[in-house]
C-alpha cells in the first residue's frame, strides 16, 4: 500500500520516466524553440526553461496541482471538477491541450491500476473525460495523503527533467550540459513549490506568449519528433 511507503518514494515512482504517461512524446514547445533558434546552447536552454518554470506552465501547473490536491484531500469532487475544467481551458493550443490531457488520463489510469484507494476511485469516477496532467497528479497525491509541498516540488523537478531530456534528443546540448542545467534550475523549482502552495486558483495562467505561438507553429513544422 502507498501509505506504508515514504512520500518521496511514491513520487519517485509516479514521476519517473518509466511511468506509463507518454511524457517522452512531448517537448512543450521546445522543439519549435530549437527550430527557431531560440534554444541553441546550454545558456539559452537554461534561460528558456527558467521562463517556462517561472512564468509558464511550471508555475501555473503547480497552482492547479495544489488546488487539485486540496480538493482530493477534502473529498470535494465538485471543487476538483472545477479545477480540472479550468486547467483544460487554460491550454493555449491544440498540441498543449493534447499534451496535458493525454498524460493526465494516462497517469490517472495507471495510478488507479497500481495504487488505487477508495477515495481515489471515487474522485476518478467524477473525472471521466479529459484530465489535465497536474490535476491528475494532485488528485492522486491528495487521495493518498502525500505532503503537498513535496508533491509540488517533485512535479516541477520532473517537468524540468523531462524537458532537458527532450533537449538532448533535439541536440542543442549534450548530457553534461543538460545535467548542469538541471542542477542550476532545481533550486528555482524548489522555491517555486513553496511560493505557489497557498496561492488562489485565479493566479493560474501563463505569460509565455512566444512559447504559445510556437506551439501553433509546431503543428505544421516540416520535420519533428515530438507531439508538441
C-alpha atoms as a PDB file:
ATOM      1  CA  UNK A   1       0.000   0.000   0.000  1.00  0.00           C
ATOM      2  CA  UNK A   2       1.185   3.549  -0.758  1.00  0.00           C
ATOM      3  CA  UNK A   3       0.559   4.561   2.888  1.00  0.00           C
ATOM      4  CA  UNK A   4       3.427   2.299   4.011  1.00  0.00           C
ATOM      5  CA  UNK A   5       5.905   3.932   1.623  1.00  0.00           C
ATOM      6  CA  UNK A   6       7.537   7.339   2.218  1.00  0.00           C
ATOM      7  CA  UNK A   7       6.018  10.132   0.150  1.00  0.00           C
ATOM      8  CA  UNK A   8       9.283  10.745  -1.701  1.00  0.00           C
ATOM      9  CA  UNK A   9       9.471   7.145  -2.891  1.00  0.00           C
ATOM     10  CA  UNK A  10       5.873   7.147  -4.084  1.00  0.00           C
ATOM     11  CA  UNK A  11       6.567  10.320  -6.064  1.00  0.00           C
ATOM     12  CA  UNK A  12       9.779   8.871  -7.492  1.00  0.00           C
ATOM     13  CA  UNK A  13       7.686   6.018  -8.868  1.00  0.00           C
ATOM     14  CA  UNK A  14       4.831   8.180 -10.153  1.00  0.00           C
ATOM     15  CA  UNK A  15       7.030  10.825 -11.781  1.00  0.00           C
ATOM     16  CA  UNK A  16       9.773   8.588 -13.138  1.00  0.00           C
ATOM     17  CA  UNK A  17      10.409   8.405 -16.906  1.00  0.00           C
ATOM     18  CA  UNK A  18       9.193   4.791 -16.784  1.00  0.00           C
ATOM     19  CA  UNK A  19       5.695   5.659 -15.539  1.00  0.00           C
ATOM     20  CA  UNK A  20       3.319   4.995 -18.444  1.00  0.00           C
ATOM     21  CA  UNK A  21       2.129   8.507 -19.249  1.00  0.00           C
ATOM     22  CA  UNK A  22       3.975   9.014 -22.531  1.00  0.00           C
ATOM     23  CA  UNK A  23       5.842  12.121 -21.374  1.00  0.00           C
ATOM     24  CA  UNK A  24       8.722  11.276 -23.717  1.00  0.00           C
ATOM     25  CA  UNK A  25       6.494  12.137 -26.685  1.00  0.00           C
ATOM     26  CA  UNK A  26       6.101  15.820 -25.761  1.00  0.00           C
ATOM     27  CA  UNK A  27       8.502  18.771 -25.730  1.00  0.00           C
ATOM     28  CA  UNK A  28       6.117  21.539 -24.580  1.00  0.00           C
ATOM     29  CA  UNK A  29       7.125  23.751 -27.496  1.00  0.00           C
ATOM     30  CA  UNK A  30      10.851  23.157 -27.080  1.00  0.00           C
ATOM     31  CA  UNK A  31      11.147  21.505 -30.480  1.00  0.00           C
ATOM     32  CA  UNK A  32       9.891  24.641 -32.192  1.00  0.00           C
ATOM     33  CA  UNK A  33      12.133  26.822 -29.985  1.00  0.00           C
ATOM     34  CA  UNK A  34      15.136  24.831 -31.214  1.00  0.00           C
ATOM     35  CA  UNK A  35      13.949  25.084 -34.812  1.00  0.00           C
ATOM     36  CA  UNK A  36      13.513  28.860 -34.462  1.00  0.00           C
ATOM     37  CA  UNK A  37      16.934  29.290 -32.850  1.00  0.00           C
ATOM     38  CA  UNK A  38      15.595  30.479 -29.506  1.00  0.00           C
ATOM     39  CA  UNK A  39      17.277  27.493 -27.845  1.00  0.00           C
ATOM     40  CA  UNK A  40      20.664  26.685 -29.342  1.00  0.00           C
ATOM     41  CA  UNK A  41      23.076  26.017 -26.457  1.00  0.00           C
ATOM     42  CA  UNK A  42      23.307  25.498 -22.710  1.00  0.00           C
ATOM     43  CA  UNK A  43      22.745  29.145 -21.775  1.00  0.00           C
ATOM     44  CA  UNK A  44      19.682  29.636 -23.964  1.00  0.00           C
ATOM     45  CA  UNK A  45      18.191  26.318 -22.810  1.00  0.00           C
ATOM     46  CA  UNK A  46      18.658  27.327 -19.190  1.00  0.00           C
ATOM     47  CA  UNK A  47      17.025  30.720 -19.788  1.00  0.00           C
ATOM     48  CA  UNK A  48      14.130  29.201 -21.761  1.00  0.00           C
ATOM     49  CA  UNK A  49      13.423  26.640 -19.043  1.00  0.00           C
ATOM     50  CA  UNK A  50      13.691  29.267 -16.302  1.00  0.00           C
ATOM     51  CA  UNK A  51      10.989  31.302 -18.052  1.00  0.00           C
ATOM     52  CA  UNK A  52       8.756  28.253 -18.511  1.00  0.00           C
ATOM     53  CA  UNK A  53       9.106  27.429 -14.824  1.00  0.00           C
ATOM     54  CA  UNK A  54       8.599  30.954 -13.500  1.00  0.00           C
ATOM     55  CA  UNK A  55       6.153  32.466 -15.986  1.00  0.00           C
ATOM     56  CA  UNK A  56       4.729  29.483 -17.835  1.00  0.00           C
ATOM     57  CA  UNK A  57       3.313  26.030 -17.282  1.00  0.00           C
ATOM     58  CA  UNK A  58       5.631  25.265 -14.374  1.00  0.00           C
ATOM     59  CA  UNK A  59       4.103  27.870 -12.087  1.00  0.00           C
ATOM     60  CA  UNK A  60       0.568  27.517 -13.443  1.00  0.00           C
ATOM     61  CA  UNK A  61       0.548  23.724 -13.252  1.00  0.00           C
ATOM     62  CA  UNK A  62       1.871  23.815  -9.692  1.00  0.00           C
ATOM     63  CA  UNK A  63      -1.019  26.062  -8.646  1.00  0.00           C
ATOM     64  CA  UNK A  64      -3.509  23.745 -10.342  1.00  0.00           C
ATOM     65  CA  UNK A  65      -1.909  20.676  -8.767  1.00  0.00           C
ATOM     66  CA  UNK A  66      -2.038  22.311  -5.324  1.00  0.00           C
ATOM     67  CA  UNK A  67      -5.761  23.000  -5.637  1.00  0.00           C
ATOM     68  CA  UNK A  68      -6.459  19.528  -7.001  1.00  0.00           C
ATOM     69  CA  UNK A  69      -4.529  18.101  -4.055  1.00  0.00           C
ATOM     70  CA  UNK A  70      -6.557  20.157  -1.576  1.00  0.00           C
ATOM     71  CA  UNK A  71      -9.863  19.159  -3.171  1.00  0.00           C
ATOM     72  CA  UNK A  72      -8.912  15.479  -3.256  1.00  0.00           C
ATOM     73  CA  UNK A  73      -7.680  15.513   0.341  1.00  0.00           C
ATOM     74  CA  UNK A  74     -11.019  17.002   1.386  1.00  0.00           C
ATOM     75  CA  UNK A  75     -13.004  14.626  -0.803  1.00  0.00           C
ATOM     76  CA  UNK A  76     -14.538  17.634  -2.598  1.00  0.00           C
ATOM     77  CA  UNK A  77     -15.344  16.248  -6.047  1.00  0.00           C
ATOM     78  CA  UNK A  78     -17.177  19.411  -7.149  1.00  0.00           C
ATOM     79  CA  UNK A  79     -14.130  21.584  -6.466  1.00  0.00           C
ATOM     80  CA  UNK A  80     -11.899  19.047  -8.183  1.00  0.00           C
ATOM     81  CA  UNK A  81     -14.010  19.079 -11.354  1.00  0.00           C
ATOM     82  CA  UNK A  82     -13.874  22.896 -11.372  1.00  0.00           C
ATOM     83  CA  UNK A  83     -10.075  22.859 -11.105  1.00  0.00           C
ATOM     84  CA  UNK A  84      -9.856  20.370 -13.964  1.00  0.00           C
ATOM     85  CA  UNK A  85     -12.188  22.394 -16.176  1.00  0.00           C
ATOM     86  CA  UNK A  86     -10.022  25.479 -15.637  1.00  0.00           C
ATOM     87  CA  UNK A  87      -6.797  23.564 -16.247  1.00  0.00           C
ATOM     88  CA  UNK A  88      -8.044  22.271 -19.597  1.00  0.00           C
ATOM     89  CA  UNK A  89      -9.395  25.677 -20.603  1.00  0.00           C
ATOM     90  CA  UNK A  90      -6.000  27.284 -19.949  1.00  0.00           C
ATOM     91  CA  UNK A  91      -4.318  25.180 -22.658  1.00  0.00           C
ATOM     92  CA  UNK A  92      -3.432  27.761 -25.341  1.00  0.00           C
ATOM     93  CA  UNK A  93      -3.204  25.378 -28.311  1.00  0.00           C
ATOM     94  CA  UNK A  94      -4.401  22.021 -29.566  1.00  0.00           C
ATOM     95  CA  UNK A  95      -0.992  20.433 -29.043  1.00  0.00           C
ATOM     96  CA  UNK A  96      -0.590  21.679 -25.477  1.00  0.00           C
ATOM     97  CA  UNK A  97      -4.143  20.548 -24.683  1.00  0.00           C
ATOM     98  CA  UNK A  98      -3.243  17.103 -26.033  1.00  0.00           C
ATOM     99  CA  UNK A  99      -0.017  17.106 -24.014  1.00  0.00           C
ATOM    100  CA  UNK A 100      -1.742  17.738 -20.693  1.00  0.00           C
ATOM    101  CA  UNK A 101      -4.916  15.715 -21.316  1.00  0.00           C
ATOM    102  CA  UNK A 102      -3.238  12.593 -22.700  1.00  0.00           C
ATOM    103  CA  UNK A 103      -0.690  12.493 -19.892  1.00  0.00           C
ATOM    104  CA  UNK A 104      -3.351  13.256 -17.306  1.00  0.00           C
ATOM    105  CA  UNK A 105      -5.637  10.444 -18.398  1.00  0.00           C
ATOM    106  CA  UNK A 106      -2.724   8.014 -18.692  1.00  0.00           C
ATOM    107  CA  UNK A 107      -1.426   8.979 -15.254  1.00  0.00           C
ATOM    108  CA  UNK A 108      -4.810   8.597 -13.582  1.00  0.00           C
ATOM    109  CA  UNK A 109      -5.493   5.233 -15.235  1.00  0.00           C
ATOM    110  CA  UNK A 110      -2.026   3.870 -14.407  1.00  0.00           C
ATOM    111  CA  UNK A 111      -2.218   5.051 -10.810  1.00  0.00           C
ATOM    112  CA  UNK A 112      -5.650   3.542 -10.323  1.00  0.00           C
ATOM    113  CA  UNK A 113      -4.404   0.261 -11.769  1.00  0.00           C
ATOM    114  CA  UNK A 114      -1.463   0.004  -9.362  1.00  0.00           C
ATOM    115  CA  UNK A 115      -2.025   2.431  -6.446  1.00  0.00           C
ATOM    116  CA  UNK A 116      -5.798   2.652  -6.112  1.00  0.00           C
ATOM    117  CA  UNK A 117      -7.637   3.699  -2.943  1.00  0.00           C
ATOM    118  CA  UNK A 118     -11.390   4.040  -2.309  1.00  0.00           C
ATOM    119  CA  UNK A 119     -11.079   7.841  -2.263  1.00  0.00           C
ATOM    120  CA  UNK A 120      -9.088   7.924  -5.493  1.00  0.00           C
ATOM    121  CA  UNK A 121     -11.585   5.586  -7.155  1.00  0.00           C
ATOM    122  CA  UNK A 122     -14.482   7.812  -6.090  1.00  0.00           C
ATOM    123  CA  UNK A 123     -12.816  11.027  -7.269  1.00  0.00           C
ATOM    124  CA  UNK A 124     -11.636   9.470 -10.527  1.00  0.00           C
ATOM    125  CA  UNK A 125     -15.206   8.496 -11.333  1.00  0.00           C
ATOM    126  CA  UNK A 126     -16.002  12.216 -11.444  1.00  0.00           C
ATOM    127  CA  UNK A 127     -13.133  12.858 -13.856  1.00  0.00           C
ATOM    128  CA  UNK A 128     -14.491  10.620 -16.590  1.00  0.00           C
ATOM    129  CA  UNK A 129     -13.425  12.786 -19.549  1.00  0.00           C
ATOM    130  CA  UNK A 130     -10.230  14.687 -20.301  1.00  0.00           C
ATOM    131  CA  UNK A 131      -7.998  15.219 -17.266  1.00  0.00           C
ATOM    132  CA  UNK A 132      -5.185  17.758 -17.109  1.00  0.00           C
ATOM    133  CA  UNK A 133      -1.873  16.256 -16.019  1.00  0.00           C
ATOM    134  CA  UNK A 134      -1.277  18.481 -12.941  1.00  0.00           C
ATOM    135  CA  UNK A 135      -4.834  17.799 -11.819  1.00  0.00           C
ATOM    136  CA  UNK A 136      -4.330  14.049 -12.167  1.00  0.00           C
ATOM    137  CA  UNK A 137      -1.113  14.170 -10.128  1.00  0.00           C
ATOM    138  CA  UNK A 138      -2.651  16.433  -7.495  1.00  0.00           C
ATOM    139  CA  UNK A 139      -5.739  14.237  -7.248  1.00  0.00           C
ATOM    140  CA  UNK A 140      -3.782  11.038  -6.736  1.00  0.00           C
ATOM    141  CA  UNK A 141      -1.424  12.668  -4.251  1.00  0.00           C
ATOM    142  CA  UNK A 142      -4.265  14.246  -2.268  1.00  0.00           C
ATOM    143  CA  UNK A 143      -6.208  10.986  -2.209  1.00  0.00           C
ATOM    144  CA  UNK A 144      -3.097   9.245  -0.837  1.00  0.00           C
ATOM    145  CA  UNK A 145      -2.429  11.970   1.721  1.00  0.00           C
ATOM    146  CA  UNK A 146       1.002  12.884   0.353  1.00  0.00           C
ATOM    147  CA  UNK A 147       2.604  16.108   1.571  1.00  0.00           C
ATOM    148  CA  UNK A 148       1.516  18.912  -0.748  1.00  0.00           C
ATOM    149  CA  UNK A 149       4.754  20.874  -0.954  1.00  0.00           C
ATOM    150  CA  UNK A 150       6.733  17.701  -1.587  1.00  0.00           C
ATOM    151  CA  UNK A 151       4.317  16.844  -4.388  1.00  0.00           C
ATOM    152  CA  UNK A 152       4.690  20.278  -5.995  1.00  0.00           C
ATOM    153  CA  UNK A 153       8.484  20.213  -5.788  1.00  0.00           C
ATOM    154  CA  UNK A 154       8.615  16.706  -7.260  1.00  0.00           C
ATOM    155  CA  UNK A 155       6.200  17.647 -10.045  1.00  0.00           C
ATOM    156  CA  UNK A 156       8.262  20.691 -11.037  1.00  0.00           C
ATOM    157  CA  UNK A 157      11.514  18.741 -10.880  1.00  0.00           C
ATOM    158  CA  UNK A 158      10.072  16.041 -13.140  1.00  0.00           C
ATOM    159  CA  UNK A 159       8.714  18.682 -15.541  1.00  0.00           C
ATOM    160  CA  UNK A 160      12.164  20.261 -15.746  1.00  0.00           C
ATOM    161  CA  UNK A 161      13.968  16.965 -16.212  1.00  0.00           C
ATOM    162  CA  UNK A 162      11.609  15.812 -18.957  1.00  0.00           C
ATOM    163  CA  UNK A 163      12.265  18.975 -20.958  1.00  0.00           C
ATOM    164  CA  UNK A 164      16.015  18.633 -20.512  1.00  0.00           C
ATOM    165  CA  UNK A 165      15.687  15.047 -21.749  1.00  0.00           C
ATOM    166  CA  UNK A 166      13.831  16.367 -24.797  1.00  0.00           C
ATOM    167  CA  UNK A 167      16.639  18.861 -25.416  1.00  0.00           C
ATOM    168  CA  UNK A 168      19.156  16.011 -25.517  1.00  0.00           C
ATOM    169  CA  UNK A 169      17.172  14.330 -28.277  1.00  0.00           C
ATOM    170  CA  UNK A 170      16.907  17.624 -30.146  1.00  0.00           C
ATOM    171  CA  UNK A 171      20.698  18.005 -29.771  1.00  0.00           C
ATOM    172  CA  UNK A 172      21.235  21.637 -28.747  1.00  0.00           C
ATOM    173  CA  UNK A 173      23.104  20.353 -25.665  1.00  0.00           C
ATOM    174  CA  UNK A 174      24.877  17.210 -24.548  1.00  0.00           C
ATOM    175  CA  UNK A 175      24.338  15.163 -21.399  1.00  0.00           C
ATOM    176  CA  UNK A 176      26.846  17.030 -19.248  1.00  0.00           C
ATOM    177  CA  UNK A 177      25.409  20.411 -20.194  1.00  0.00           C
ATOM    178  CA  UNK A 178      21.892  19.087 -19.600  1.00  0.00           C
ATOM    179  CA  UNK A 179      22.904  17.935 -16.141  1.00  0.00           C
ATOM    180  CA  UNK A 180      24.291  21.392 -15.372  1.00  0.00           C
ATOM    181  CA  UNK A 181      21.024  22.969 -16.486  1.00  0.00           C
ATOM    182  CA  UNK A 182      19.032  20.689 -14.170  1.00  0.00           C
ATOM    183  CA  UNK A 183      21.365  21.500 -11.266  1.00  0.00           C
ATOM    184  CA  UNK A 184      21.127  25.226 -11.949  1.00  0.00           C
ATOM    185  CA  UNK A 185      17.318  25.271 -12.056  1.00  0.00           C
ATOM    186  CA  UNK A 186      16.457  22.781  -9.326  1.00  0.00           C
ATOM    187  CA  UNK A 187      16.634  25.461  -6.576  1.00  0.00           C
ATOM    188  CA  UNK A 188      14.203  27.555  -8.613  1.00  0.00           C
ATOM    189  CA  UNK A 189      11.796  24.619  -8.836  1.00  0.00           C
ATOM    190  CA  UNK A 190      12.016  24.020  -5.078  1.00  0.00           C
ATOM    191  CA  UNK A 191      11.445  27.695  -4.276  1.00  0.00           C
ATOM    192  CA  UNK A 192       8.532  27.873  -6.692  1.00  0.00           C
ATOM    193  CA  UNK A 193       6.832  24.927  -4.995  1.00  0.00           C
ATOM    194  CA  UNK A 194       6.837  26.829  -1.723  1.00  0.00           C
ATOM    195  CA  UNK A 195       5.826  30.131  -3.302  1.00  0.00           C
ATOM    196  CA  UNK A 196       2.707  28.834  -5.080  1.00  0.00           C
ATOM    197  CA  UNK A 197       1.412  26.397  -2.472  1.00  0.00           C
ATOM    198  CA  UNK A 198      -1.046  28.850  -0.945  1.00  0.00           C
ATOM    199  CA  UNK A 199      -1.916  30.959  -3.994  1.00  0.00           C
ATOM    200  CA  UNK A 200      -5.563  31.269  -5.052  1.00  0.00           C
ATOM    201  CA  UNK A 201      -6.756  29.478  -8.148  1.00  0.00           C
ATOM    202  CA  UNK A 202      -7.154  32.684 -10.133  1.00  0.00           C
ATOM    203  CA  UNK A 203      -3.356  33.052 -10.050  1.00  0.00           C
ATOM    204  CA  UNK A 204      -3.100  30.145 -12.528  1.00  0.00           C
ATOM    205  CA  UNK A 205      -2.169  31.130 -16.046  1.00  0.00           C
ATOM    206  CA  UNK A 206       0.897  31.718 -18.204  1.00  0.00           C
ATOM    207  CA  UNK A 207       2.780  34.670 -19.673  1.00  0.00           C
ATOM    208  CA  UNK A 208       4.916  32.844 -22.235  1.00  0.00           C
ATOM    209  CA  UNK A 209       3.412  34.196 -25.423  1.00  0.00           C
ATOM    210  CA  UNK A 210       6.275  33.160 -27.720  1.00  0.00           C
ATOM    211  CA  UNK A 211       6.048  29.570 -26.469  1.00  0.00           C
ATOM    212  CA  UNK A 212       2.277  29.587 -27.021  1.00  0.00           C
ATOM    213  CA  UNK A 213       2.649  30.916 -30.568  1.00  0.00           C
ATOM    214  CA  UNK A 214       5.411  28.396 -31.166  1.00  0.00           C
ATOM    215  CA  UNK A 215       3.097  25.571 -30.182  1.00  0.00           C
ATOM    216  CA  UNK A 216       0.758  26.624 -33.007  1.00  0.00           C
ATOM    217  CA  UNK A 217       3.650  26.751 -35.466  1.00  0.00           C
ATOM    218  CA  UNK A 218       4.864  23.357 -34.336  1.00  0.00           C
ATOM    219  CA  UNK A 219       1.643  21.818 -35.667  1.00  0.00           C
ATOM    220  CA  UNK A 220       2.889  22.449 -39.220  1.00  0.00           C
ATOM    221  CA  UNK A 221       6.637  22.193 -38.604  1.00  0.00           C
ATOM    222  CA  UNK A 222       8.092  20.240 -41.507  1.00  0.00           C
ATOM    223  CA  UNK A 223      10.364  17.909 -39.521  1.00  0.00           C
ATOM    224  CA  UNK A 224       9.533  16.982 -35.937  1.00  0.00           C
ATOM    225  CA  UNK A 225       9.894  14.116 -33.497  1.00  0.00           C
ATOM    226  CA  UNK A 226       7.596  15.314 -30.691  1.00  0.00           C
ATOM    227  CA  UNK A 227       3.850  15.737 -30.496  1.00  0.00           C
ATOM    228  CA  UNK A 228       4.122  19.253 -29.045  1.00  0.00           C
END
